[in-house]
Protein backbone atom coordinates (compact mmCIF):
# COMPACT_ATOMS: atom_id res chain seq x y z
CA UNK A 1 -0.23 0.36 -0.08
CA UNK A 2 1.54 3.19 -0.68
CA UNK A 3 -0.67 6.66 0.32
CA UNK A 4 0.43 9.70 -0.96
CA UNK A 5 1.08 12.68 1.62
CA UNK A 6 -1.23 15.14 0.04
CA UNK A 7 -4.53 12.58 -0.96
CA UNK A 8 -4.57 12.17 2.75
CA UNK A 9 -4.50 16.20 3.87
CA UNK A 10 -7.87 16.15 0.83
CA UNK A 11 -9.23 13.51 2.15
CA UNK A 12 -8.24 12.09 5.29
CA UNK A 13 -11.32 10.31 5.78
CA UNK A 14 -11.13 7.81 2.93
CA UNK A 15 -7.73 7.65 2.96
CA UNK A 16 -7.60 6.32 6.76
CA UNK A 17 -10.90 4.12 5.22
CA UNK A 18 -8.52 2.69 2.71
CA UNK A 19 -6.00 2.01 5.73
CA UNK A 20 -8.05 0.55 7.61
CA UNK A 21 -9.66 -2.23 5.00
CA UNK A 22 -6.00 -2.39 3.53
CA UNK A 23 -4.50 -4.14 7.25
CA UNK A 24 -7.46 -5.85 7.62
CA UNK A 25 -9.84 -3.58 10.47
CA UNK A 26 -13.15 -2.21 10.26
CA UNK A 27 -13.16 0.94 7.87
CA UNK A 28 -16.35 2.42 8.97
CA UNK A 29 -14.40 3.56 12.33
CA UNK A 30 -13.50 6.68 12.32
CA UNK A 31 -11.42 7.96 15.61
CA UNK A 32 -13.83 11.27 16.54
CA UNK A 33 -10.15 13.51 17.06
CA UNK A 34 -10.06 12.68 13.23
CA UNK A 35 -10.60 16.61 11.95
CA UNK A 36 -7.97 17.65 14.73
CA UNK A 37 -4.08 19.07 12.92
CA UNK A 38 -1.39 16.60 13.65
CA UNK A 39 2.36 18.15 12.89
CA UNK A 40 0.52 21.48 11.33
CA UNK A 41 3.37 23.63 12.46
CA UNK A 42 5.74 23.19 10.03
CA UNK A 43 7.95 26.25 10.09
CA UNK A 44 8.10 27.80 6.81
CA UNK A 45 9.18 26.43 3.86
CA UNK A 46 12.79 27.25 1.40
CA UNK A 47 12.47 29.02 -0.84
CA UNK A 48 13.97 27.69 -3.80
CA UNK A 49 15.27 29.86 -6.93
CA UNK A 50 13.57 29.14 -9.88
CA UNK A 51 15.90 27.53 -12.08
CA UNK A 52 16.68 25.72 -9.29
CA UNK A 53 13.31 24.64 -9.27
CA UNK A 54 13.28 23.29 -12.44
CA UNK A 55 16.77 21.48 -12.48
CA UNK A 56 15.04 19.15 -10.18
CA UNK A 57 11.43 19.56 -11.73
CA UNK A 58 13.71 17.81 -14.93
CA UNK A 59 16.41 15.03 -13.13
CA UNK A 60 13.75 13.78 -11.32
CA UNK A 61 10.67 14.00 -14.35
CA UNK A 62 11.00 10.21 -15.31
CA UNK A 63 12.02 8.69 -11.96
CA UNK A 64 8.47 10.46 -10.39
CA UNK A 65 6.48 9.37 -14.64
CA UNK A 66 7.93 5.84 -14.10
CA UNK A 67 6.36 6.17 -10.56
CA UNK A 68 3.01 6.92 -11.83
CA UNK A 69 3.16 3.58 -13.82
CA UNK A 70 4.02 1.42 -11.08
CA UNK A 71 1.75 3.11 -8.71
CA UNK A 72 -1.47 3.04 -10.80
CA UNK A 73 -4.71 5.67 -8.46
CA UNK A 74 -1.29 8.43 -7.32
CA UNK A 75 -2.45 11.36 -8.43
CA UNK A 76 0.17 13.96 -10.07
CA UNK A 77 -2.24 16.65 -10.43
CA UNK A 78 -1.09 17.33 -6.46
CA UNK A 79 2.05 18.16 -7.24
CA UNK A 80 2.00 20.16 -9.40
CA UNK A 81 5.39 20.45 -11.09
CA UNK A 82 4.55 17.47 -12.52
CA UNK A 83 0.40 17.82 -14.01
CA UNK A 84 1.95 18.01 -16.82
CA UNK A 85 2.54 14.15 -16.93
CA UNK A 86 -1.13 13.43 -16.60
């Protein structure tokens, strides 16, 4: 099972149910505090220069493409730098 972080943020209940089902647990169980953010204070996000970001996207593009072939439900539209691969 592979969980995509961005999907966990946008569909917490759905991804939790999918995880429970994968583990053989009751997928209908929803914790009372499911909407309470965890680890929400991550500090300031590092800003990359445009050239650096472009170079990283180019460097990882083939890996991301291959990963999306291996993981059918990977949603590349949730990764703006790689949405063009959809």
